[in-house]
Amino acid sequence: MPAGAKVSLTALAACVCCVLTFEMFWVSLQRGLRPEAVEAAAPPPPEAPSQRRKT
């Protein structure tokens, strides 16, 4: 495959991931879930465990 095709495929994959993430978030908002519940359902950021260890 030419390099240009690989770049466009990568961009397309990133776009699809963004759309899917946004749709999941939007659907959860439409269902009336609180943003805190959405954040709790998402995997914690890598910084969270280090903050818990410090306290």
PDB file of N, CA and C in Angstrom:
ATOM      1  N   MET A   1       0.850  -1.203   0.000  1.00  0.00           N
ATOM      2  CA  MET A   1       0.000   0.000   0.000  1.00  0.00           C
ATOM      3  C   MET A   1       0.878   1.242   0.000  1.00  0.00           C
ATOM      4  N   PRO A   2       0.514   2.262  -0.732  1.00  0.00           N
ATOM      5  CA  PRO A   2       1.274   3.518  -0.673  1.00  0.00           C
ATOM      6  C   PRO A   2       1.131   4.172   0.693  1.00  0.00           C
ATOM      7  N   ALA A   3       2.110   5.004   1.016  1.00  0.00           N
ATOM      8  CA  ALA A   3       2.098   5.651   2.330  1.00  0.00           C
ATOM      9  C   ALA A   3       0.860   6.521   2.502  1.00  0.00           C
ATOM     10  N   GLY A   4       0.429   7.183   1.447  1.00  0.00           N
ATOM     11  CA  GLY A   4      -0.752   8.048   1.543  1.00  0.00           C
ATOM     12  C   GLY A   4      -1.996   7.280   1.951  1.00  0.00           C
ATOM     13  N   ALA A   5      -2.137   6.048   1.463  1.00  0.00           N
ATOM     14  CA  ALA A   5      -3.306   5.248   1.810  1.00  0.00           C
ATOM     15  C   ALA A   5      -3.272   4.880   3.285  1.00  0.00           C
ATOM     16  N   LYS A   6      -2.082   4.577   3.804  1.00  0.00           N
ATOM     17  CA  LYS A   6      -1.978   4.236   5.228  1.00  0.00           C
ATOM     18  C   LYS A   6      -2.355   5.433   6.088  1.00  0.00           C
ATOM     19  N   VAL A   7      -1.909   6.622   5.681  1.00  0.00           N
ATOM     20  CA  VAL A   7      -2.231   7.827   6.457  1.00  0.00           C
ATOM     21  C   VAL A   7      -3.729   8.080   6.448  1.00  0.00           C
ATOM     22  N   SER A   8      -4.354   7.936   5.282  1.00  0.00           N
ATOM     23  CA  SER A   8      -5.793   8.200   5.212  1.00  0.00           C
ATOM     24  C   SER A   8      -6.574   7.144   6.003  1.00  0.00           C
ATOM     25  N   LEU A   9      -6.106   5.904   5.988  1.00  0.00           N
ATOM     26  CA  LEU A   9      -6.775   4.865   6.781  1.00  0.00           C
ATOM     27  C   LEU A   9      -6.635   5.168   8.265  1.00  0.00           C
ATOM     28  N   THR A  10      -5.468   5.627   8.678  1.00  0.00           N
ATOM     29  CA  THR A  10      -5.263   5.973  10.089  1.00  0.00           C
ATOM     30  C   THR A  10      -6.166   7.133  10.486  1.00  0.00           C
ATOM     31  N   ALA A  11      -6.265   8.138   9.621  1.00  0.00           N
ATOM     32  CA  ALA A  11      -7.127   9.284   9.916  1.00  0.00           C
ATOM     33  C   ALA A  11      -8.587   8.839   9.988  1.00  0.00           C
ATOM     34  N   LEU A  12      -8.987   7.946   9.079  1.00  0.00           N
ATOM     35  CA  LEU A  12     -10.362   7.451   9.086  1.00  0.00           C
ATOM     36  C   LEU A  12     -10.655   6.683  10.369  1.00  0.00           C
ATOM     37  N   ALA A  13      -9.711   5.849  10.805  1.00  0.00           N
ATOM     38  CA  ALA A  13      -9.901   5.083  12.036  1.00  0.00           C
ATOM     39  C   ALA A  13     -10.023   6.019  13.237  1.00  0.00           C
ATOM     40  N   ALA A  14      -9.184   7.060  13.277  1.00  0.00           N
ATOM     41  CA  ALA A  14      -9.249   8.017  14.388  1.00  0.00           C
ATOM     42  C   ALA A  14     -10.581   8.744  14.383  1.00  0.00           C
ATOM     43  N   CYS A  15     -11.071   9.097  13.204  1.00  0.00           N
ATOM     44  CA  CYS A  15     -12.348   9.800  13.095  1.00  0.00           C
ATOM     45  C   CYS A  15     -13.480   8.901  13.595  1.00  0.00           C
ATOM     46  N   VAL A  16     -13.452   7.625  13.202  1.00  0.00           N
ATOM     47  CA  VAL A  16     -14.491   6.687  13.637  1.00  0.00           C
ATOM     48  C   VAL A  16     -14.475   6.550  15.146  1.00  0.00           C
ATOM     49  N   CYS A  17     -13.268   6.461  15.728  1.00  0.00           N
ATOM     50  CA  CYS A  17     -13.168   6.332  17.187  1.00  0.00           C
ATOM     51  C   CYS A  17     -13.755   7.562  17.866  1.00  0.00           C
ATOM     52  N   CYS A  18     -13.445   8.750  17.320  1.00  0.00           N
ATOM     53  CA  CYS A  18     -13.974   9.980  17.917  1.00  0.00           C
ATOM     54  C   CYS A  18     -15.499   9.999  17.854  1.00  0.00           C
ATOM     55  N   VAL A  19     -16.038   9.616  16.706  1.00  0.00           N
ATOM     56  CA  VAL A  19     -17.499   9.633  16.544  1.00  0.00           C
ATOM     57  C   VAL A  19     -18.147   8.641  17.498  1.00  0.00           C
ATOM     58  N   LEU A  20     -17.579   7.443  17.612  1.00  0.00           N
ATOM     59  CA  LEU A  20     -18.166   6.439  18.504  1.00  0.00           C
ATOM     60  C   LEU A  20     -18.124   6.924  19.951  1.00  0.00           C
ATOM     61  N   THR A  21     -17.004   7.511  20.357  1.00  0.00           N
ATOM     62  CA  THR A  21     -16.889   8.015  21.727  1.00  0.00           C
ATOM     63  C   THR A  21     -17.914   9.113  21.972  1.00  0.00           C
ATOM     64  N   PHE A  22     -18.053  10.023  21.007  1.00  0.00           N
ATOM     65  CA  PHE A  22     -19.014  11.115  21.166  1.00  0.00           C
ATOM     66  C   PHE A  22     -20.440  10.568  21.217  1.00  0.00           C
ATOM     67  N   GLU A  23     -20.751   9.586  20.371  1.00  0.00           N
ATOM     68  CA  GLU A  23     -22.109   9.033  20.356  1.00  0.00           C
ATOM     69  C   GLU A  23     -22.426   8.351  21.686  1.00  0.00           C
ATOM     70  N   MET A  24     -21.466   7.596  22.231  1.00  0.00           N
ATOM     71  CA  MET A  24     -21.704   6.945  23.523  1.00  0.00           C
ATOM     72  C   MET A  24     -21.979   7.993  24.598  1.00  0.00           C
ATOM     73  N   PHE A  25     -21.182   9.066  24.587  1.00  0.00           N
ATOM     74  CA  PHE A  25     -21.356  10.124  25.583  1.00  0.00           C
ATOM     75  C   PHE A  25     -22.697  10.822  25.378  1.00  0.00           C
ATOM     76  N   TRP A  26     -23.045  11.096  24.125  1.00  0.00           N
ATOM     77  CA  TRP A  26     -24.300  11.800  23.830  1.00  0.00           C
ATOM     78  C   TRP A  26     -25.502  10.953  24.216  1.00  0.00           C
ATOM     79  N   VAL A  27     -25.459   9.652  23.905  1.00  0.00           N
ATOM     80  CA  VAL A  27     -26.578   8.765  24.247  1.00  0.00           C
ATOM     81  C   VAL A  27     -26.751   8.709  25.766  1.00  0.00           C
ATOM     82  N   SER A  28     -25.648   8.641  26.495  1.00  0.00           N
ATOM     83  CA  SER A  28     -25.757   8.584  27.947  1.00  0.00           C
ATOM     84  C   SER A  28     -26.340   9.888  28.490  1.00  0.00           C
ATOM     85  N   LEU A  29     -26.008  11.011  27.867  1.00  0.00           N
ATOM     86  CA  LEU A  29     -26.600  12.277  28.295  1.00  0.00           C
ATOM     87  C   LEU A  29     -28.091  12.290  27.973  1.00  0.00           C
ATOM     88  N   GLN A  30     -28.468  11.776  26.814  1.00  0.00           N
ATOM     89  CA  GLN A  30     -29.882  11.763  26.433  1.00  0.00           C
ATOM     90  C   GLN A  30     -30.693  10.892  27.384  1.00  0.00           C
ATOM     91  N   ARG A  31     -30.072   9.849  27.920  1.00  0.00           N
ATOM     92  CA  ARG A  31     -30.788   8.962  28.844  1.00  0.00           C
ATOM     93  C   ARG A  31     -30.938   9.594  30.225  1.00  0.00           C
ATOM     94  N   GLY A  32     -30.305  10.727  30.442  1.00  0.00           N
ATOM     95  CA  GLY A  32     -30.461  11.430  31.711  1.00  0.00           C
ATOM     96  C   GLY A  32     -29.433  11.035  32.752  1.00  0.00           C
ATOM     97  N   LEU A  33     -28.357  10.384  32.348  1.00  0.00           N
ATOM     98  CA  LEU A  33     -27.322  10.035  33.318  1.00  0.00           C
ATOM     99  C   LEU A  33     -26.524  11.283  33.684  1.00  0.00           C
ATOM    100  N   ARG A  34     -26.032  11.299  34.890  1.00  0.00           N
ATOM    101  CA  ARG A  34     -25.209  12.432  35.299  1.00  0.00           C
ATOM    102  C   ARG A  34     -23.803  12.281  34.717  1.00  0.00           C
ATOM    103  N   PRO A  35     -23.114  13.404  34.473  1.00  0.00           N
ATOM    104  CA  PRO A  35     -21.738  13.317  33.962  1.00  0.00           C
ATOM    105  C   PRO A  35     -20.825  12.524  34.892  1.00  0.00           C
ATOM    106  N   GLU A  36     -21.085  12.577  36.215  1.00  0.00           N
ATOM    107  CA  GLU A  36     -20.254  11.824  37.153  1.00  0.00           C
ATOM    108  C   GLU A  36     -20.369  10.326  36.878  1.00  0.00           C
ATOM    109  N   ALA A  37     -21.572   9.866  36.551  1.00  0.00           N
ATOM    110  CA  ALA A  37     -21.767   8.440  36.254  1.00  0.00           C
ATOM    111  C   ALA A  37     -21.016   8.058  34.986  1.00  0.00           C
ATOM    112  N   VAL A  38     -20.985   8.962  34.014  1.00  0.00           N
ATOM    113  CA  VAL A  38     -20.258   8.683  32.774  1.00  0.00           C
ATOM    114  C   VAL A  38     -18.766   8.581  33.069  1.00  0.00           C
ATOM    115  N   GLU A  39     -18.257   9.491  33.908  1.00  0.00           N
ATOM    116  CA  GLU A  39     -16.836   9.452  34.239  1.00  0.00           C
ATOM    117  C   GLU A  39     -16.494   8.204  35.040  1.00  0.00           C
ATOM    118  N   ALA A  40     -17.399   7.777  35.913  1.00  0.00           N
ATOM    119  CA  ALA A  40     -17.131   6.587  36.712  1.00  0.00           C
ATOM    120  C   ALA A  40     -17.124   5.344  35.835  1.00  0.00           C
ATOM    121  N   ALA A  41     -17.952   5.331  34.786  1.00  0.00           N
ATOM    122  CA  ALA A  41     -17.995   4.177  33.897  1.00  0.00           C
ATOM    123  C   ALA A  41     -16.743   4.113  33.031  1.00  0.00           C
ATOM    124  N   ALA A  42     -16.154   5.263  32.748  1.00  0.00           N
ATOM    125  CA  ALA A  42     -14.940   5.289  31.916  1.00  0.00           C
ATOM    126  C   ALA A  42     -13.749   4.825  32.743  1.00  0.00           C
ATOM    127  N   PRO A  43     -12.742   4.243  32.107  1.00  0.00           N
ATOM    128  CA  PRO A  43     -11.550   3.833  32.851  1.00  0.00           C
ATOM    129  C   PRO A  43     -10.852   5.035  33.456  1.00  0.00           C
ATOM    130  N   PRO A  44     -10.313   4.915  34.666  1.00  0.00           N
ATOM    131  CA  PRO A  44      -9.688   6.069  35.325  1.00  0.00           C
ATOM    132  C   PRO A  44      -8.427   6.498  34.581  1.00  0.00           C
ATOM    133  N   PRO A  45      -8.107   7.788  34.589  1.00  0.00           N
ATOM    134  CA  PRO A  45      -6.875   8.253  33.947  1.00  0.00           C
ATOM    135  C   PRO A  45      -5.659   7.700  34.661  1.00  0.00           C
ATOM    136  N   PRO A  46      -4.499   7.629  33.995  1.00  0.00           N
ATOM    137  CA  PRO A  46      -3.308   7.047  34.627  1.00  0.00           C
ATOM    138  C   PRO A  46      -2.848   7.826  35.853  1.00  0.00           C
ATOM    139  N   GLU A  47      -3.274   9.088  35.975  1.00  0.00           N
ATOM    140  CA  GLU A  47      -2.823   9.889  37.114  1.00  0.00           C
ATOM    141  C   GLU A  47      -3.565   9.519  38.401  1.00  0.00           C
ATOM    142  N   ALA A  48      -4.748   8.936  38.282  1.00  0.00           N
ATOM    143  CA  ALA A  48      -5.570   8.668  39.463  1.00  0.00           C
ATOM    144  C   ALA A  48      -4.882   7.731  40.458  1.00  0.00           C
ATOM    145  N   PRO A  49      -4.305   6.601  40.048  1.00  0.00           N
ATOM    146  CA  PRO A  49      -3.684   5.715  41.044  1.00  0.00           C
ATOM    147  C   PRO A  49      -2.550   6.392  41.802  1.00  0.00           C
ATOM    148  N   SER A  50      -1.774   7.238  41.139  1.00  0.00           N
ATOM    149  CA  SER A  50      -0.663   7.892  41.839  1.00  0.00           C
ATOM    150  C   SER A  50      -1.199   8.867  42.880  1.00  0.00           C
ATOM    151  N   GLN A  51      -2.333   9.527  42.574  1.00  0.00           N
ATOM    152  CA  GLN A  51      -2.911  10.451  43.544  1.00  0.00           C
ATOM    153  C   GLN A  51      -3.453   9.679  44.745  1.00  0.00           C
ATOM    154  N   ARG A  52      -4.028   8.507  44.509  1.00  0.00           N
ATOM    155  CA  ARG A  52      -4.552   7.715  45.626  1.00  0.00           C
ATOM    156  C   ARG A  52      -3.417   7.221  46.513  1.00  0.00           C
ATOM    157  N   ARG A  53      -2.288   6.879  45.908  1.00  0.00           N
ATOM    158  CA  ARG A  53      -1.170   6.384  46.713  1.00  0.00           C
ATOM    159  C   ARG A  53      -0.600   7.482  47.596  1.00  0.00           C
ATOM    160  N   LYS A  54      -0.632   8.726  47.106  1.00  0.00           N
ATOM    161  CA  LYS A  54      -0.064   9.831  47.895  1.00  0.00           C
ATOM    162  C   LYS A  54      -0.888  10.089  49.148  1.00  0.00           C
ATOM    163  N   THR A  55      -2.218   9.920  49.062  1.00  0.00           N
ATOM    164  CA  THR A  55      -3.063  10.253  50.211  1.00  0.00           C
ATOM    165  C   THR A  55      -3.074   9.159  51.247  1.00  0.00           C
TER     166      THR A  55
END
